[in-house]
PDB file of N, CA and C in Angstrom:
ATOM      1  N   MET A   1       9.716  24.680  32.198  1.00  0.00           N
ATOM      2  CA  MET A   1       8.961  25.378  31.082  1.00  0.00           C
ATOM      3  C   MET A   1       9.148  24.035  29.778  1.00  0.00           C
ATOM      4  N   HIS A   2      10.000  23.896  29.685  1.00  0.00           N
ATOM      5  CA  HIS A   2      10.439  22.904  28.421  1.00  0.00           C
ATOM      6  C   HIS A   2       9.610  21.812  28.614  1.00  0.00           C
ATOM      7  N   GLU A   3       9.404  21.337  29.962  1.00  0.00           N
ATOM      8  CA  GLU A   3       8.669  19.860  30.054  1.00  0.00           C
ATOM      9  C   GLU A   3       7.287  20.085  29.685  1.00  0.00           C
ATOM     10  N   ALA A   4       6.576  21.191  29.931  1.00  0.00           N
ATOM     11  CA  ALA A   4       5.073  21.497  29.762  1.00  0.00           C
ATOM     12  C   ALA A   4       4.951  21.611  28.151  1.00  0.00           C
ATOM     13  N   ILE A   5       5.995  22.296  27.776  1.00  0.00           N
ATOM     14  CA  ILE A   5       5.524  22.083  26.041  1.00  0.00           C
ATOM     15  C   ILE A   5       5.935  20.501  25.595  1.00  0.00           C
ATOM     16  N   PHE A   6       6.747  19.839  25.863  1.00  0.00           N
ATOM     17  CA  PHE A   6       6.782  18.965  25.455  1.00  0.00           C
ATOM     18  C   PHE A   6       5.767  17.575  25.748  1.00  0.00           C
ATOM     19  N   ILE A   7       4.912  18.054  27.042  1.00  0.00           N
ATOM     20  CA  ILE A   7       3.847  16.900  27.371  1.00  0.00           C
ATOM     21  C   ILE A   7       2.828  17.324  26.555  1.00  0.00           C
ATOM     22  N   TYR A   8       2.629  18.702  26.209  1.00  0.00           N
ATOM     23  CA  TYR A   8       1.477  19.171  25.137  1.00  0.00           C
ATOM     24  C   TYR A   8       1.803  18.731  23.795  1.00  0.00           C
ATOM     25  N   SER A   9       2.780  18.349  23.476  1.00  0.00           N
ATOM     26  CA  SER A   9       3.132  18.398  22.276  1.00  0.00           C
ATOM     27  C   SER A   9       2.729  16.392  21.908  1.00  0.00           C
ATOM     28  N   LEU A  10       3.128  15.816  23.259  1.00  0.00           N
ATOM     29  CA  LEU A  10       2.442  14.485  22.862  1.00  0.00           C
ATOM     30  C   LEU A  10       0.816  14.435  23.030  1.00  0.00           C
ATOM     31  N   ASN A  11       0.475  15.305  23.851  1.00  0.00           N
ATOM     32  CA  ASN A  11      -1.229  15.239  23.655  1.00  0.00           C
ATOM     33  C   ASN A  11      -1.677  16.023  22.790  1.00  0.00           C
ATOM     34  N   ASP A  12      -1.055  16.451  21.781  1.00  0.00           N
ATOM     35  CA  ASP A  12      -1.780  17.395  20.569  1.00  0.00           C
ATOM     36  C   ASP A  12      -2.489  16.175  19.758  1.00  0.00           C
ATOM     37  N   HIS A  13      -3.691  16.196  19.666  1.00  0.00           N
ATOM     38  CA  HIS A  13      -4.597  14.954  18.808  1.00  0.00           C
ATOM     39  C   HIS A  13      -4.779  15.146  17.353  1.00  0.00           C
ATOM     40  N   SER A  14      -4.374  16.736  16.999  1.00  0.00           N
ATOM     41  CA  SER A  14      -4.419  17.018  15.514  1.00  0.00           C
ATOM     42  C   SER A  14      -3.549  16.460  14.696  1.00  0.00           C
ATOM     43  N   ARG A  15      -2.292  15.713  15.462  1.00  0.00           N
ATOM     44  CA  ARG A  15      -1.420  15.126  14.329  1.00  0.00           C
ATOM     45  C   ARG A  15      -2.090  13.308  13.797  1.00  0.00           C
ATOM     46  N   LYS A  16      -3.383  13.083  14.676  1.00  0.00           N
ATOM     47  CA  LYS A  16      -3.866  12.178  14.195  1.00  0.00           C
ATOM     48  C   LYS A  16      -4.546  12.265  12.537  1.00  0.00           C
ATOM     49  N   LYS A  17      -4.554  13.332  12.265  1.00  0.00           N
ATOM     50  CA  LYS A  17      -5.617  13.965  11.164  1.00  0.00           C
ATOM     51  C   LYS A  17      -4.454  13.996  10.058  1.00  0.00           C
ATOM     52  N   MET A  18      -3.348  14.075  10.271  1.00  0.00           N
ATOM     53  CA  MET A  18      -2.458  14.249   9.106  1.00  0.00           C
ATOM     54  C   MET A  18      -2.348  13.057   8.185  1.00  0.00           C
ATOM     55  N   PRO A  19      -2.331  12.867   7.000  1.00  0.00           N
ATOM     56  CA  PRO A  19      -2.270  12.214   5.991  1.00  0.00           C
ATOM     57  C   PRO A  19      -0.844  11.042   6.488  1.00  0.00           C
ATOM     58  N   GLY A  20       0.228  11.651   6.638  1.00  0.00           N
ATOM     59  CA  GLY A  20       1.221  10.478   7.026  1.00  0.00           C
ATOM     60  C   GLY A  20       1.048   9.704   7.905  1.00  0.00           C
ATOM     61  N   ASN A  21      -0.065   9.613   8.711  1.00  0.00           N
ATOM     62  CA  ASN A  21      -0.125   8.808   9.639  1.00  0.00           C
ATOM     63  C   ASN A  21      -1.009   7.789   9.336  1.00  0.00           C
ATOM     64  N   ASP A  22      -2.106   7.693   8.147  1.00  0.00           N
ATOM     65  CA  ASP A  22      -2.518   7.048   7.638  1.00  0.00           C
ATOM     66  C   ASP A  22      -2.289   5.701   6.696  1.00  0.00           C
ATOM     67  N   ILE A  23      -1.670   5.085   7.068  1.00  0.00           N
ATOM     68  CA  ILE A  23      -0.952   4.070   6.171  1.00  0.00           C
ATOM     69  C   ILE A  23      -1.747   3.278   5.043  1.00  0.00           C
ATOM     70  N   ASP A  24      -3.281   3.461   5.161  1.00  0.00           N
ATOM     71  CA  ASP A  24      -4.032   2.682   3.864  1.00  0.00           C
ATOM     72  C   ASP A  24      -4.387   3.599   2.891  1.00  0.00           C
ATOM     73  N   VAL A  25      -3.713   4.999   2.841  1.00  0.00           N
ATOM     74  CA  VAL A  25      -3.497   5.475   1.974  1.00  0.00           C
ATOM     75  C   VAL A  25      -2.519   5.369   1.167  1.00  0.00           C
ATOM     76  N   TYR A  26      -1.133   5.085   1.688  1.00  0.00           N
ATOM     77  CA  TYR A  26      -0.249   4.361   0.848  1.00  0.00           C
ATOM     78  C   TYR A  26      -0.265   2.901   0.521  1.00  0.00           C
ATOM     79  N   LEU A  27      -0.784   2.004   1.015  1.00  0.00           N
ATOM     80  CA  LEU A  27      -1.466   0.543   0.694  1.00  0.00           C
ATOM     81  C   LEU A  27      -2.266   0.614  -0.472  1.00  0.00           C
ATOM     82  N   GLN A  28      -3.213   1.367  -0.446  1.00  0.00           N
ATOM     83  CA  GLN A  28      -4.375   1.402  -1.421  1.00  0.00           C
ATOM     84  C   GLN A  28      -3.772   1.024  -2.780  1.00  0.00           C
ATOM     85  N   PRO A  29      -2.843   1.677  -3.586  1.00  0.00           N
ATOM     86  CA  PRO A  29      -2.493   1.145  -4.868  1.00  0.00           C
ATOM     87  C   PRO A  29      -1.972  -0.205  -5.250  1.00  0.00           C
ATOM     88  N   LEU A  30      -1.215  -0.288  -3.721  1.00  0.00           N
ATOM     89  CA  LEU A  30      -0.372  -2.047  -3.586  1.00  0.00           C
ATOM     90  C   LEU A  30      -1.770  -3.016  -3.836  1.00  0.00           C
ATOM     91  N   ILE A  31      -2.471  -2.806  -2.852  1.00  0.00           N
ATOM     92  CA  ILE A  31      -3.807  -3.502  -2.359  1.00  0.00           C
ATOM     93  C   ILE A  31      -4.391  -3.625  -3.760  1.00  0.00           C
ATOM     94  N   GLN A  32      -4.611  -2.786  -4.498  1.00  0.00           N
ATOM     95  CA  GLN A  32      -5.556  -2.753  -6.047  1.00  0.00           C
ATOM     96  C   GLN A  32      -4.662  -3.529  -6.817  1.00  0.00           C
ATOM     97  N   GLU A  33      -3.642  -3.317  -6.992  1.00  0.00           N
ATOM     98  CA  GLU A  33      -2.551  -4.086  -8.115  1.00  0.00           C
ATOM     99  C   GLU A  33      -2.660  -5.846  -7.783  1.00  0.00           C
ATOM    100  N   LEU A  34      -2.482  -5.606  -6.504  1.00  0.00           N
ATOM    101  CA  LEU A  34      -2.293  -7.156  -6.012  1.00  0.00           C
ATOM    102  C   LEU A  34      -3.783  -8.164  -6.353  1.00  0.00           C
ATOM    103  N   SER A  35      -4.650  -7.029  -6.120  1.00  0.00           N
ATOM    104  CA  SER A  35      -6.294  -7.756  -6.436  1.00  0.00           C
ATOM    105  C   SER A  35      -6.364  -8.040  -7.799  1.00  0.00           C
ATOM    106  N   GLU A  36      -6.189  -7.061  -8.417  1.00  0.00           N
ATOM    107  CA  GLU A  36      -6.136  -7.333 -10.074  1.00  0.00           C
ATOM    108  C   GLU A  36      -5.246  -8.529 -10.793  1.00  0.00           C
ATOM    109  N   LEU A  37      -3.768  -8.891  -9.715  1.00  0.00           N
ATOM    110  CA  LEU A  37      -2.924  -9.900 -10.604  1.00  0.00           C
ATOM    111  C   LEU A  37      -3.653 -11.192  -9.898  1.00  0.00           C
ATOM    112  N   TRP A  38      -4.301 -11.137  -8.309  1.00  0.00           N
ATOM    113  CA  TRP A  38      -5.139 -12.574  -8.223  1.00  0.00           C
ATOM    114  C   TRP A  38      -6.121 -13.011  -9.236  1.00  0.00           C
ATOM    115  N   TYR A  39      -7.263 -11.749  -9.120  1.00  0.00           N
ATOM    116  CA  TYR A  39      -8.290 -12.439  -9.487  1.00  0.00           C
ATOM    117  C   TYR A  39      -8.446 -12.201 -11.387  1.00  0.00           C
ATOM    118  N   ASP A  40      -8.211 -11.236 -11.760  1.00  0.00           N
ATOM    119  CA  ASP A  40      -8.074 -11.036 -13.087  1.00  0.00           C
ATOM    120  C   ASP A  40      -7.456 -11.727 -13.717  1.00  0.00           C
ATOM    121  N   GLY A  41      -5.974 -11.133 -13.192  1.00  0.00           N
ATOM    122  CA  GLY A  41      -4.408 -12.007 -14.040  1.00  0.00           C
ATOM    123  C   GLY A  41      -4.206 -10.989 -15.305  1.00  0.00           C
ATOM    124  N   VAL A  42      -2.863 -10.889 -15.769  1.00  0.00           N
ATOM    125  CA  VAL A  42      -2.455 -10.330 -16.486  1.00  0.00           C
ATOM    126  C   VAL A  42      -1.703 -11.035 -17.715  1.00  0.00           C
ATOM    127  N   GLN A  43      -2.001 -10.922 -18.774  1.00  0.00           N
ATOM    128  CA  GLN A  43      -1.570 -11.076 -20.175  1.00  0.00           C
ATOM    129  C   GLN A  43       0.073 -10.833 -20.255  1.00  0.00           C
ATOM    130  N   THR A  44       0.557 -12.024 -20.238  1.00  0.00           N
ATOM    131  CA  THR A  44       1.972 -12.002 -20.294  1.00  0.00           C
ATOM    132  C   THR A  44       2.785 -12.823 -21.109  1.00  0.00           C
ATOM    133  N   PHE A  45       3.811 -12.504 -21.901  1.00  0.00           N
ATOM    134  CA  PHE A  45       4.571 -12.955 -23.010  1.00  0.00           C
ATOM    135  C   PHE A  45       5.758 -14.015 -22.378  1.00  0.00           C
ATOM    136  N   ASP A  46       5.630 -15.358 -22.668  1.00  0.00           N
ATOM    137  CA  ASP A  46       6.353 -16.442 -22.536  1.00  0.00           C
ATOM    138  C   ASP A  46       7.626 -16.318 -23.800  1.00  0.00           C
ATOM    139  N   SER A  47       8.534 -15.832 -23.472  1.00  0.00           N
ATOM    140  CA  SER A  47       9.567 -16.010 -24.642  1.00  0.00           C
ATOM    141  C   SER A  47      10.148 -17.085 -25.124  1.00  0.00           C
ATOM    142  N   SER A  48      10.296 -18.120 -24.119  1.00  0.00           N
ATOM    143  CA  SER A  48      10.423 -19.493 -24.210  1.00  0.00           C
ATOM    144  C   SER A  48       9.705 -20.422 -25.163  1.00  0.00           C
ATOM    145  N   LYS A  49       8.541 -20.396 -24.934  1.00  0.00           N
ATOM    146  CA  LYS A  49       7.557 -20.940 -25.541  1.00  0.00           C
ATOM    147  C   LYS A  49       6.699 -19.886 -26.705  1.00  0.00           C
ATOM    148  N   LYS A  50       7.164 -18.653 -26.932  1.00  0.00           N
ATOM    149  CA  LYS A  50       6.550 -18.126 -27.685  1.00  0.00           C
ATOM    150  C   LYS A  50       5.408 -17.692 -28.036  1.00  0.00           C
ATOM    151  N   GLU A  51       4.617 -17.771 -26.699  1.00  0.00           N
ATOM    152  CA  GLU A  51       3.123 -17.752 -26.323  1.00  0.00           C
ATOM    153  C   GLU A  51       2.826 -17.111 -25.258  1.00  0.00           C
ATOM    154  N   THR A  52       1.462 -16.371 -25.307  1.00  0.00           N
ATOM    155  CA  THR A  52       0.949 -15.302 -24.094  1.00  0.00           C
ATOM    156  C   THR A  52       0.305 -16.383 -23.104  1.00  0.00           C
ATOM    157  N   PHE A  53       0.038 -16.100 -22.138  1.00  0.00           N
ATOM    158  CA  PHE A  53      -0.737 -16.834 -20.922  1.00  0.00           C
ATOM    159  C   PHE A  53      -0.885 -15.919 -19.940  1.00  0.00           C
ATOM    160  N   LYS A  54      -2.193 -16.180 -19.210  1.00  0.00           N
ATOM    161  CA  LYS A  54      -2.619 -15.190 -17.941  1.00  0.00           C
ATOM    162  C   LYS A  54      -1.690 -15.681 -16.875  1.00  0.00           C
ATOM    163  N   MET A  55      -1.110 -14.636 -16.014  1.00  0.00           N
ATOM    164  CA  MET A  55       0.047 -14.685 -15.305  1.00  0.00           C
ATOM    165  C   MET A  55      -1.186 -14.151 -13.555  1.00  0.00           C
ATOM    166  N   ARG A  56      -1.071 -15.052 -12.697  1.00  0.00           N
ATOM    167  CA  ARG A  56      -1.811 -14.858 -11.726  1.00  0.00           C
ATOM    168  C   ARG A  56      -0.789 -14.507 -10.685  1.00  0.00           C
ATOM    169  N   ALA A  57      -0.787 -13.930  -9.746  1.00  0.00           N
ATOM    170  CA  ALA A  57       0.112 -13.838  -8.400  1.00  0.00           C
ATOM    171  C   ALA A  57      -0.166 -13.601  -7.106  1.00  0.00           C
ATOM    172  N   ALA A  58       0.301 -13.799  -6.111  1.00  0.00           N
ATOM    173  CA  ALA A  58      -0.185 -13.546  -4.770  1.00  0.00           C
ATOM    174  C   ALA A  58       1.024 -13.160  -3.971  1.00  0.00           C
ATOM    175  N   LEU A  59       1.054 -12.369  -2.653  1.00  0.00           N
ATOM    176  CA  LEU A  59       1.700 -11.700  -2.225  1.00  0.00           C
ATOM    177  C   LEU A  59       1.679 -12.726  -0.797  1.00  0.00           C
ATOM    178  N   MET A  60       2.538 -13.558  -0.281  1.00  0.00           N
ATOM    179  CA  MET A  60       2.094 -14.319   0.999  1.00  0.00           C
ATOM    180  C   MET A  60       3.541 -13.611   2.348  1.00  0.00           C
TER     181      MET A  60
END
């Protein structure tokens, strides 16, 4: 009896629709931030030179 329940739970396709299984939902904000850092850059203050510059960054 327990084996049948276990096999059924492995074949349950409704789990694929849960948001926890879609990693892109969690990565989307990170990808947006990295795109902004790479393409647009961010105004940053360099305290040693006492001036601002456009910082760009990439994750490898």
